[in-house]
Protein backbone atom coordinates (compact mmCIF):
# COMPACT_ATOMS: atom_id res chain seq x y z
CA MET A 1 88.62 83.94 95.92
CA ALA A 2 89.57 81.16 98.31
CA GLU A 3 87.73 79.56 101.18
CA ILE A 4 89.87 78.87 104.24
CA LYS A 5 88.53 76.41 106.81
CA ILE A 6 89.81 76.28 110.38
CA ASN A 7 88.86 73.45 112.73
CA CYS A 8 89.13 74.50 116.38
CA LEU A 9 86.98 71.74 117.86
CA GLY A 10 88.25 70.86 121.31
CA GLU A 11 90.35 74.04 121.55
CA THR A 12 89.80 76.65 124.26
CA CYS A 13 90.66 80.35 124.40
CA PRO A 14 92.74 81.85 123.03
CA ILE A 15 93.52 79.20 120.37
CA PRO A 16 90.44 79.73 118.13
CA LEU A 17 90.99 83.50 118.06
CA VAL A 18 94.74 83.11 117.43
CA GLU A 19 94.06 80.69 114.55
CA THR A 20 91.44 83.06 113.13
CA ARG A 21 93.89 85.97 113.20
CA LYS A 22 96.56 83.82 111.46
CA ALA A 23 94.10 82.87 108.71
CA ILE A 24 93.05 86.51 108.25
CA ARG A 25 96.70 87.54 107.81
CA LYS A 26 97.19 84.86 105.11
CA ALA A 27 93.89 85.54 103.34
CA LEU A 28 93.54 87.85 100.37
CA PRO A 29 90.79 90.49 100.19
CA GLY A 30 87.51 88.75 99.35
CA ASP A 31 88.56 85.36 100.74
CA ILE A 32 86.10 83.59 103.04
CA ILE A 33 87.33 82.20 106.35
CA GLU A 34 85.20 79.59 108.10
CA ILE A 35 85.97 78.69 111.71
CA THR A 36 84.36 75.70 113.41
CA GLY A 37 84.65 75.26 117.15
CA ASP A 38 82.91 74.30 120.35
CA HIS A 39 84.30 76.73 122.94
CA PRO A 40 81.43 79.06 123.99
CA ALA A 41 83.60 82.12 124.75
CA SER A 42 85.25 82.01 121.32
CA LYS A 43 81.82 82.16 119.66
CA LYS A 44 81.48 85.62 121.23
CA GLU A 45 85.12 86.77 120.99
CA ILE A 46 85.74 86.01 117.31
CA PRO A 47 82.84 88.15 115.98
CA MET A 48 83.92 91.03 118.25
CA ALA A 49 87.49 90.79 116.95
CA VAL A 50 86.24 90.65 113.35
CA GLN A 51 84.28 93.86 113.87
CA GLU A 52 87.28 95.56 115.49
CA MET A 53 89.38 94.63 112.43
CA GLY A 54 86.72 96.11 110.15
CA LEU A 55 86.05 92.83 108.36
CA GLU A 56 82.69 91.45 107.23
CA LEU A 57 80.99 88.97 109.56
CA LEU A 58 78.94 86.79 107.19
CA GLU A 59 77.42 84.26 109.53
CA VAL A 60 77.43 82.90 113.07
CA LYS A 61 75.51 79.67 113.39
CA GLY A 62 75.27 76.74 115.72
CA ASP A 63 73.43 75.75 118.80
CA GLY A 64 74.29 73.34 121.53
CA GLY A 65 77.98 72.64 121.45
CA THR A 66 79.36 73.24 117.96
CA TRP A 67 79.34 76.55 116.09
CA THR A 68 80.55 77.91 112.75
CA ILE A 69 81.60 81.48 112.02
CA ARG A 70 82.14 82.76 108.47
CA ILE A 71 83.95 86.00 107.73
CA ARG A 72 85.09 87.79 104.58
CA ARG A 73 88.56 89.32 104.49
C-alpha cells in the first residue's frame, strides 16, 4: 500500500479535482491519496467526486484556509 500526497495549495478549480483524478488513476487498490489545498469549492467537489467514483472518503479536515482530504482507492 502506498500513500500518494498531492499539494494543490494556491490552485483553483478545476486543478485540485483534475490532480486528484490523475492520482486515483495511478493508484492501486488500497492506496491512500491525500490532497492538501486551500480552494473552498474544491473541498466540496472532491468528496462528491470520490463518492461518485465509489471510492472510500477517509477524512476531510481543515478550517480557515487550508484543508486536507484523504481517500482510499
